[in-house]
């Protein structure tokens, strides 16, 4: 891979423009088409190009490389704003943003400089190719066969490749297959999605997150150049075992997921509120003229808001803790990582429960007429229900309980 020619990175407004405000502007634009696009499924091509043009794809790229240089609390707010308008787009942006720290955590300084500049200068999307549909979630079979030049050839199929379609770069994992002592070790690499042998399939189908392009990707003798490999074989496993800085990848992803759920729930609450104010009818025994005066409707909205207030506060506190831990660099201690991964599972549980409750509960306050498909209120629940099955929240709650009762931190891993 070679650097593209230098170009002026264009953002809306001046270089100090507020990225959260930019996200809100995009969200407002997309709300008008959200129901129709959810019904159609497929790819949100126009909206992804909007994100590309906005500069938000380089949100976490340091300024010296041409990016926005935002911190984690800001990035989390941006994801939440986008998800409030469209859960699929919040999901896609979240996955993209989670790829940037992978480069910094595991790549060399040269890789960081090269890839960060490319993403910032060209407004590149990064897709994900990690999961496989085998006997268990870490039963990876995509093979990485070493080549004489120090690279690899990838063969096999990845599933749930969110954002791979239409991306410029792919973060991909493979398992070394040879007769050396490295047999079975995991490698990670960032490669061009257009690389010969990469086939991104249009086969994503689920009840929710219908425009995340989370289908499968086939690899047919795909060459991975030596300078595209992030770290040594099993660098991720070593980072988890030793609670090194690289293991922060897991809490970053988990916190992003939680804020996607919260964003979707806020979007549902906003849409339901507008409907209740303008179209809902009061129930006759309430003895009121408007649904907005019905005491049970008022109580329901109060419960929705209180649930989100608590989850929002916990999420923002966790984002600031993540920034504090991130800033420690290589001085990160296992206890720092442990405290973060007690906090974030709690946020994940709060966000999951609040989002599911709000997104199903809104039907109680909009009434039967609000179930007409033209309103699309069901999309909020379908999106959250689909994504919250990514990894069981019961294990997150148990991790928090284990620390409270026994003083044990969660064992570092891809989801903890």
Protein backbone atom coordinates (compact mmCIF):
# COMPACT_ATOMS: atom_id res chain seq x y z
CA UNK A 1 0.00 0.00 0.00
CA UNK A 2 1.29 3.47 -0.85
CA UNK A 3 0.32 6.86 0.41
CA UNK A 4 -2.11 8.80 -1.71
CA UNK A 5 -1.06 12.26 -2.87
CA UNK A 6 -1.39 14.95 -0.21
CA UNK A 7 -4.70 16.77 -0.31
CA UNK A 8 -6.48 19.24 1.91
CA UNK A 9 -8.89 17.37 4.16
CA UNK A 10 -12.25 19.07 3.91
CA UNK A 11 -14.67 19.28 6.81
CA UNK A 12 -17.92 21.22 7.01
CA UNK A 13 -17.14 24.60 8.47
CA UNK A 14 -13.75 25.44 9.91
CA UNK A 15 -11.24 23.05 11.44
CA UNK A 16 -12.65 23.63 14.93
CA UNK A 17 -16.19 22.66 14.00
CA UNK A 18 -17.99 20.66 16.68
CA UNK A 19 -18.21 17.01 15.55
CA UNK A 20 -21.27 16.40 17.73
CA UNK A 21 -23.05 19.26 15.93
CA UNK A 22 -22.01 17.78 12.59
CA UNK A 23 -23.46 14.42 13.67
CA UNK A 24 -26.72 16.06 14.71
CA UNK A 25 -26.99 17.74 11.33
CA UNK A 26 -26.57 14.43 9.54
CA UNK A 27 -29.03 12.73 11.89
CA UNK A 28 -31.67 15.34 11.19
CA UNK A 29 -31.23 14.85 7.46
CA UNK A 30 -31.52 11.05 7.66
CA UNK A 31 -34.62 10.84 9.85
CA UNK A 32 -36.87 11.63 6.89
CA UNK A 33 -35.81 8.46 5.06
CA UNK A 34 -35.10 6.11 7.98
CA UNK A 35 -38.38 4.16 7.82
CA UNK A 36 -38.23 3.68 4.06
CA UNK A 37 -34.58 2.61 4.13
CA UNK A 38 -35.17 0.16 6.97
CA UNK A 39 -37.99 -1.43 4.99
CA UNK A 40 -35.80 -1.68 1.87
CA UNK A 41 -32.73 -3.08 3.62
CA UNK A 42 -29.60 -3.31 1.52
CA UNK A 43 -26.89 -0.68 1.74
CA UNK A 44 -27.17 2.90 2.99
CA UNK A 45 -24.92 4.07 0.17
CA UNK A 46 -26.00 7.72 0.11
CA UNK A 47 -25.82 8.08 3.89
CA UNK A 48 -22.40 6.45 4.06
CA UNK A 49 -21.20 8.95 1.49
CA UNK A 50 -22.65 11.71 3.68
CA UNK A 51 -20.52 10.42 6.53
CA UNK A 52 -17.50 10.25 4.27
CA UNK A 53 -17.98 13.88 3.22
CA UNK A 54 -18.55 15.04 6.80
CA UNK A 55 -15.03 14.24 7.97
CA UNK A 56 -16.35 12.11 10.83
CA UNK A 57 -14.55 9.02 9.54
CA UNK A 58 -11.32 10.61 10.78
CA UNK A 59 -12.87 11.62 14.10
CA UNK A 60 -10.32 9.71 16.21
CA UNK A 61 -7.35 10.25 13.89
CA UNK A 62 -4.82 12.60 15.55
CA UNK A 63 -4.58 16.08 14.09
CA UNK A 64 -0.96 15.61 13.04
CA UNK A 65 -2.18 12.98 10.58
CA UNK A 66 -5.01 15.16 9.26
CA UNK A 67 -7.80 13.89 11.50
CA UNK A 68 -10.18 15.54 13.94
CA UNK A 69 -8.22 14.46 16.99
CA UNK A 70 -11.34 13.92 19.11
CA UNK A 71 -11.30 12.21 22.50
CA UNK A 72 -13.33 9.17 23.49
CA UNK A 73 -16.19 11.03 25.21
CA UNK A 74 -16.72 13.04 22.02
CA UNK A 75 -16.58 9.97 19.80
CA UNK A 76 -19.13 8.21 21.99
CA UNK A 77 -21.51 11.19 21.77
CA UNK A 78 -21.18 11.22 17.98
CA UNK A 79 -22.06 7.53 17.74
CA UNK A 80 -25.09 8.07 19.97
CA UNK A 81 -26.34 11.00 17.88
CA UNK A 82 -26.05 9.02 14.66
CA UNK A 83 -27.73 5.94 16.18
CA UNK A 84 -30.66 8.07 17.37
CA UNK A 85 -31.54 8.74 13.74
CA UNK A 86 -30.58 5.36 12.32
CA UNK A 87 -29.34 2.38 14.30
CA UNK A 88 -27.68 0.81 11.27
CA UNK A 89 -25.59 3.91 10.60
CA UNK A 90 -24.67 4.23 14.28
CA UNK A 91 -23.57 0.61 14.16
CA UNK A 92 -21.48 1.16 11.02
CA UNK A 93 -19.79 4.29 12.30
CA UNK A 94 -19.13 2.62 15.65
CA UNK A 95 -17.39 -0.33 14.01
CA UNK A 96 -15.35 2.01 11.84
CA UNK A 97 -14.25 4.09 14.82
CA UNK A 98 -13.28 0.98 16.78
CA UNK A 99 -10.79 0.07 14.05
CA UNK A 100 -8.64 3.17 14.58
CA UNK A 101 -7.39 2.14 18.04
CA UNK A 102 -6.50 -1.31 16.68
CA UNK A 103 -3.95 0.35 14.43
CA UNK A 104 -2.47 2.36 17.28
CA UNK A 105 -2.59 -0.48 19.83
CA UNK A 106 -0.99 -3.17 17.69
CA UNK A 107 0.60 -1.53 14.66
CA UNK A 108 4.06 -0.06 14.29
CA UNK A 109 4.67 3.68 14.26
CA UNK A 110 5.11 3.49 10.49
CA UNK A 111 1.79 1.66 10.10
CA UNK A 112 0.04 4.16 12.34
CA UNK A 113 1.35 7.11 10.35
CA UNK A 114 0.62 5.53 6.97
CA UNK A 115 -2.87 4.20 7.71
CA UNK A 116 -4.01 7.19 9.72
CA UNK A 117 -2.94 9.55 6.94
CA UNK A 118 -4.70 7.44 4.33
CA UNK A 119 -7.94 7.32 6.30
CA UNK A 120 -7.87 11.05 7.00
CA UNK A 121 -6.75 12.23 3.57
CA UNK A 122 -9.11 9.99 1.61
CA UNK A 123 -12.05 9.75 4.05
CA UNK A 124 -11.77 5.98 3.95
CA UNK A 125 -14.24 3.57 5.49
CA UNK A 126 -12.87 0.62 7.47
CA UNK A 127 -14.84 -2.62 7.45
CA UNK A 128 -14.73 -5.57 9.80
CA UNK A 129 -13.94 -9.20 8.98
CA UNK A 130 -13.39 -11.08 12.21
CA UNK A 131 -16.35 -13.31 13.16
CA UNK A 132 -17.02 -16.76 11.76
CA UNK A 133 -20.08 -19.00 11.86
CA UNK A 134 -18.52 -22.11 13.40
CA UNK A 135 -19.01 -24.21 16.56
CA UNK A 136 -18.32 -21.27 18.89
CA UNK A 137 -17.57 -17.58 18.52
CA UNK A 138 -13.77 -17.95 18.60
CA UNK A 139 -13.61 -21.09 16.48
CA UNK A 140 -11.84 -19.32 13.63
CA UNK A 141 -10.94 -21.30 10.53
CA UNK A 142 -9.93 -18.66 7.99
CA UNK A 143 -6.37 -19.74 7.31
CA UNK A 144 -3.30 -17.54 7.04
CA UNK A 145 -0.59 -19.44 5.18
CA UNK A 146 2.87 -17.83 5.51
CA UNK A 147 4.62 -16.69 2.34
CA UNK A 148 8.37 -16.43 1.78
CA UNK A 149 8.35 -12.63 1.99
CA UNK A 150 6.88 -12.60 5.50
CA UNK A 151 3.29 -12.09 4.45
CA UNK A 152 0.35 -14.49 4.31
CA UNK A 153 -2.30 -15.91 2.02
CA UNK A 154 -5.83 -15.83 3.46
CA UNK A 155 -8.41 -18.47 2.60
CA UNK A 156 -11.87 -19.01 4.03
CA UNK A 157 -15.06 -17.19 4.90
CA UNK A 158 -15.83 -14.58 7.53
CA UNK A 159 -19.38 -13.82 8.67
CA UNK A 160 -21.10 -10.79 10.23
CA UNK A 161 -18.67 -8.51 8.40
CA UNK A 162 -20.28 -5.20 9.35
CA UNK A 163 -19.32 -2.40 7.02
CA UNK A 164 -17.21 -4.56 4.72
CA UNK A 165 -19.36 -3.76 1.71
CA UNK A 166 -18.44 -0.35 0.38
CA UNK A 167 -15.38 -0.08 2.63
CA UNK A 168 -11.88 0.89 1.58
CA UNK A 169 -9.98 -1.10 4.20
CA UNK A 170 -10.69 -4.38 5.96
CA UNK A 171 -9.55 -5.36 9.43
CA UNK A 172 -9.23 -9.13 9.09
CA UNK A 173 -8.09 -11.97 11.34
CA UNK A 174 -6.66 -15.32 10.29
CA UNK A 175 -5.21 -18.46 11.88
CA UNK A 176 -1.69 -19.47 10.84
CA UNK A 177 -1.63 -22.80 9.01
CA UNK A 178 1.81 -24.33 8.57
CA UNK A 179 4.14 -26.79 10.29
CA UNK A 180 6.01 -24.18 12.33
CA UNK A 181 5.69 -23.48 16.07
CA UNK A 182 3.34 -20.64 15.09
CA UNK A 183 0.71 -23.09 13.84
CA UNK A 184 -2.68 -22.00 15.18
CA UNK A 185 -1.58 -18.49 16.15
CA UNK A 186 -3.89 -15.59 15.26
CA UNK A 187 -2.77 -12.75 13.02
CA UNK A 188 -4.53 -9.48 12.29
CA UNK A 189 -4.05 -7.27 9.27
CA UNK A 190 -5.46 -4.20 7.58
CA UNK A 191 -5.78 -4.75 3.84
CA UNK A 192 -7.51 -2.96 0.94
CA UNK A 193 -11.04 -4.26 0.45
CA UNK A 194 -10.36 -4.16 -3.29
CA UNK A 195 -7.49 -6.66 -2.96
CA UNK A 196 -7.64 -9.50 -5.49
CA UNK A 197 -9.43 -12.50 -4.02
CA UNK A 198 -11.62 -10.56 -1.56
CA UNK A 199 -15.31 -11.16 -2.26
CA UNK A 200 -17.77 -9.22 -0.09
CA UNK A 201 -21.15 -10.91 -0.33
CA UNK A 202 -24.53 -9.22 -0.25
CA UNK A 203 -26.16 -11.85 1.97
CA UNK A 204 -27.04 -10.05 5.20
CA UNK A 205 -30.59 -10.77 6.41
CA UNK A 206 -31.95 -10.16 9.92
CA UNK A 207 -35.00 -8.62 11.55
CA UNK A 208 -32.98 -5.57 12.54
CA UNK A 209 -29.86 -3.57 11.67
CA UNK A 210 -30.95 -4.12 8.10
CA UNK A 211 -28.52 -1.64 6.52
CA UNK A 212 -25.30 -2.62 8.29
CA UNK A 213 -24.03 -4.78 5.41
CA UNK A 214 -23.14 -7.45 7.97
CA UNK A 215 -22.96 -10.33 5.51
CA UNK A 216 -20.14 -12.71 4.71
CA UNK A 217 -16.78 -12.14 3.05
CA UNK A 218 -14.84 -14.80 1.17
CA UNK A 219 -11.06 -14.83 0.93
CA UNK A 220 -9.56 -16.70 -2.02
CA UNK A 221 -5.75 -16.77 -1.70
CA UNK A 222 -5.76 -13.12 -0.63
CA UNK A 223 -2.25 -11.76 -0.25
CA UNK A 224 -1.44 -9.97 2.98
CA UNK A 225 1.76 -7.95 2.61
CA UNK A 226 4.24 -8.05 5.50
CA UNK A 227 3.69 -4.36 6.30
CA UNK A 228 -0.08 -4.91 6.55
CA UNK A 229 0.16 -7.29 9.51
CA UNK A 230 -0.53 -5.66 12.89
CA UNK A 231 1.96 -6.87 15.47
CA UNK A 232 3.34 -10.35 15.98
CA UNK A 233 1.27 -13.54 15.74
CA UNK A 234 -0.98 -13.88 18.79
CA UNK A 235 -0.32 -10.26 19.79
CA UNK A 236 -3.99 -9.97 20.76
CA UNK A 237 -3.90 -13.07 22.94
CA UNK A 238 -0.74 -11.89 24.71
CA UNK A 239 -2.33 -8.48 25.32
CA UNK A 240 -5.35 -10.12 26.91
CA UNK A 241 -3.30 -12.50 29.06
CA UNK A 242 -1.08 -9.72 30.36
CA UNK A 243 -3.78 -7.01 30.48
CA UNK A 244 -1.62 -4.86 28.25
CA UNK A 245 -2.80 -1.69 26.55
CA UNK A 246 -3.79 -3.68 23.48
CA UNK A 247 -6.51 -5.37 25.51
CA UNK A 248 -8.39 -2.05 25.64
CA UNK A 249 -9.85 -2.99 22.27
CA UNK A 250 -12.56 -5.03 24.01
CA UNK A 251 -13.88 -2.33 26.37
CA UNK A 252 -13.81 0.20 23.53
CA UNK A 253 -16.05 -1.98 21.37
CA UNK A 254 -18.37 -2.79 24.26
CA UNK A 255 -18.82 0.87 25.17
CA UNK A 256 -19.53 1.77 21.55
CA UNK A 257 -22.18 -0.95 21.39
CA UNK A 258 -23.86 0.33 24.56
CA UNK A 259 -24.08 3.82 23.13
CA UNK A 260 -25.56 2.54 19.88
CA UNK A 261 -28.37 1.05 22.00
CA UNK A 262 -28.83 4.28 23.93
CA UNK A 263 -28.91 6.31 20.73
CA UNK A 264 -31.58 4.05 19.26
CA UNK A 265 -33.64 4.32 22.46
CA UNK A 266 -33.44 8.12 22.37
CA UNK A 267 -34.55 8.05 18.75
CA UNK A 268 -37.52 5.89 19.71
CA UNK A 269 -38.44 8.18 22.59
CA UNK A 270 -38.26 11.27 20.38
CA UNK A 271 -40.42 9.68 17.68
CA UNK A 272 -42.98 8.41 20.17
CA UNK A 273 -43.17 11.79 21.90
CA UNK A 274 -43.94 13.53 18.63
CA UNK A 275 -46.62 10.98 17.80
CA UNK A 276 -48.21 11.22 21.25
CA UNK A 277 -48.30 15.00 21.04
CA UNK A 278 -49.80 15.16 17.57
CA UNK A 279 -51.78 11.96 16.90
CA UNK A 280 -52.41 9.81 19.96
CA UNK A 281 -55.87 9.86 21.56
CA UNK A 282 -56.60 9.76 25.30
CA UNK A 283 -58.29 6.71 26.76
CA UNK A 284 -61.89 7.56 27.69
CA UNK A 285 -61.72 6.69 31.44
CA UNK A 286 -58.82 9.13 31.84
CA UNK A 287 -61.30 11.99 31.59
CA UNK A 288 -58.85 14.24 29.77
CA UNK A 289 -58.93 15.95 26.38
CA UNK A 290 -55.46 15.03 25.15
CA UNK A 291 -53.18 12.00 25.41
CA UNK A 292 -50.49 14.30 26.79
CA UNK A 293 -52.65 14.76 29.91
CA UNK A 294 -53.32 11.06 30.55
CA UNK A 295 -51.69 10.19 33.92
CA UNK A 296 -50.61 6.73 32.78
CA UNK A 297 -49.06 8.13 29.62
CA UNK A 298 -47.21 10.72 31.70
CA UNK A 299 -45.98 8.01 34.04
CA UNK A 300 -44.74 5.90 31.13
CA UNK A 301 -42.78 8.79 29.64
CA UNK A 302 -41.35 9.50 33.07
CA UNK A 303 -40.18 5.90 33.39
CA UNK A 304 -38.65 5.94 29.91
CA UNK A 305 -36.77 9.15 30.64
CA UNK A 306 -35.53 8.05 34.06
CA UNK A 307 -34.22 4.76 32.66
CA UNK A 308 -32.29 6.60 29.96
CA UNK A 309 -31.03 9.26 32.37
CA UNK A 310 -29.35 6.59 34.48
CA UNK A 311 -27.90 4.71 31.54
CA UNK A 312 -26.72 7.92 29.85
CA UNK A 313 -24.95 9.10 33.00
CA UNK A 314 -23.22 5.75 33.43
CA UNK A 315 -22.17 5.72 29.77
CA UNK A 316 -20.67 9.20 29.94
CA UNK A 317 -18.83 8.37 33.16
CA UNK A 318 -17.42 5.25 31.51
CA UNK A 319 -16.32 7.25 28.45
CA UNK A 320 -14.33 9.62 30.66
CA UNK A 321 -12.81 6.67 32.51
CA UNK A 322 -11.85 5.13 29.17
CA UNK A 323 -10.09 8.36 28.22
CA UNK A 324 -8.21 8.39 31.53
CA UNK A 325 -7.11 4.78 31.08
CA UNK A 326 -6.26 5.34 27.40
CA UNK A 327 -4.03 8.29 28.28
CA UNK A 328 -1.91 6.10 30.56
CA UNK A 329 -0.33 4.56 27.48
CA UNK A 330 2.07 1.74 28.21
CA UNK A 331 1.95 2.64 31.91
CA UNK A 332 -1.47 0.97 32.03
CA UNK A 333 -1.75 -1.38 35.01
CA UNK A 334 -3.95 -4.50 35.13
CA UNK A 335 -6.00 -2.77 37.84
CA UNK A 336 -6.70 0.16 35.49
CA UNK A 337 -8.01 -2.19 32.86
CA UNK A 338 -9.92 -4.19 35.45
CA UNK A 339 -11.76 -1.17 36.85
CA UNK A 340 -12.72 -0.11 33.34
CA UNK A 341 -14.09 -3.55 32.55
CA UNK A 342 -16.20 -3.54 35.69
CA UNK A 343 -17.66 -0.16 34.74
CA UNK A 344 -18.38 -0.88 31.07
CA UNK A 345 -20.28 -4.18 31.54
CA UNK A 346 -22.56 -2.29 33.92
CA UNK A 347 -23.15 0.32 31.23
CA UNK A 348 -23.81 -2.43 28.67
CA UNK A 349 -26.43 -3.99 30.95
CA UNK A 350 -28.09 -0.67 31.74
CA UNK A 351 -28.16 0.33 28.08
CA UNK A 352 -29.48 -3.05 26.94
CA UNK A 353 -32.29 -3.16 29.47
CA UNK A 354 -33.25 0.50 29.06
CA UNK A 355 -33.27 0.30 25.27
CA UNK A 356 -35.33 -2.88 25.15
CA UNK A 357 -37.80 -1.50 27.70
CA UNK A 358 -38.18 1.87 25.99
CA UNK A 359 -38.36 0.48 22.46
CA UNK A 360 -41.11 -1.98 23.36
CA UNK A 361 -42.83 0.29 25.88
CA UNK A 362 -43.45 3.12 23.43
CA UNK A 363 -46.27 1.09 21.88
CA UNK A 364 -48.20 1.49 25.13
CA UNK A 365 -48.23 5.26 24.67
CA UNK A 366 -48.76 5.53 20.92
CA UNK A 367 -51.69 3.14 20.72
CA UNK A 368 -52.91 0.70 18.10
CA UNK A 369 -52.87 3.17 15.20
CA UNK A 370 -49.16 3.72 15.78
CA UNK A 371 -48.44 0.13 14.78
CA UNK A 372 -49.09 0.94 11.11
CA UNK A 373 -45.94 0.13 9.10
CA UNK A 374 -45.77 3.66 7.70
CA UNK A 375 -44.59 4.92 11.10
CA UNK A 376 -41.86 2.30 11.48
CA UNK A 377 -41.86 2.31 15.28
CA UNK A 378 -40.95 -1.37 15.24
CA UNK A 379 -37.54 -0.64 13.72
CA UNK A 380 -36.21 0.68 17.01
CA UNK A 381 -36.98 -2.53 18.87
CA UNK A 382 -35.82 -4.75 15.99
CA UNK A 383 -32.48 -2.94 15.78
CA UNK A 384 -31.77 -3.16 19.50
CA UNK A 385 -33.04 -6.72 19.82
CA UNK A 386 -30.81 -7.85 16.96
CA UNK A 387 -27.62 -6.19 18.15
CA UNK A 388 -27.99 -6.94 21.88
CA UNK A 389 -27.70 -10.62 20.98
CA UNK A 390 -24.09 -9.96 19.91
CA UNK A 391 -22.85 -11.22 23.28
CA UNK A 392 -25.13 -12.18 26.20
CA UNK A 393 -25.64 -9.37 28.69
CA UNK A 394 -26.14 -11.93 31.47
CA UNK A 395 -22.40 -12.57 31.42
CA UNK A 396 -21.74 -8.85 31.77
CA UNK A 397 -23.97 -8.68 34.84
CA UNK A 398 -22.24 -11.74 36.30
CA UNK A 399 -18.83 -10.07 35.75
CA UNK A 400 -19.97 -7.08 37.79
CA UNK A 401 -21.34 -9.36 40.50
CA UNK A 402 -18.13 -11.38 40.61
CA UNK A 403 -16.16 -8.22 41.27
CA UNK A 404 -18.60 -6.96 43.89
CA UNK A 405 -18.73 -10.27 45.76
CA UNK A 406 -15.27 -11.73 45.21
CA UNK A 407 -13.14 -8.77 44.15
CA UNK A 408 -12.33 -10.41 40.81
CA UNK A 409 -11.92 -8.45 37.60
CA UNK A 410 -13.34 -9.83 34.34
CA UNK A 411 -10.90 -12.08 32.50
CA UNK A 412 -9.66 -10.06 29.50
CA UNK A 413 -10.97 -11.30 26.18
CA UNK A 414 -12.59 -10.17 22.94
CA UNK A 415 -15.83 -9.25 24.74
CA UNK A 416 -14.61 -8.58 28.28
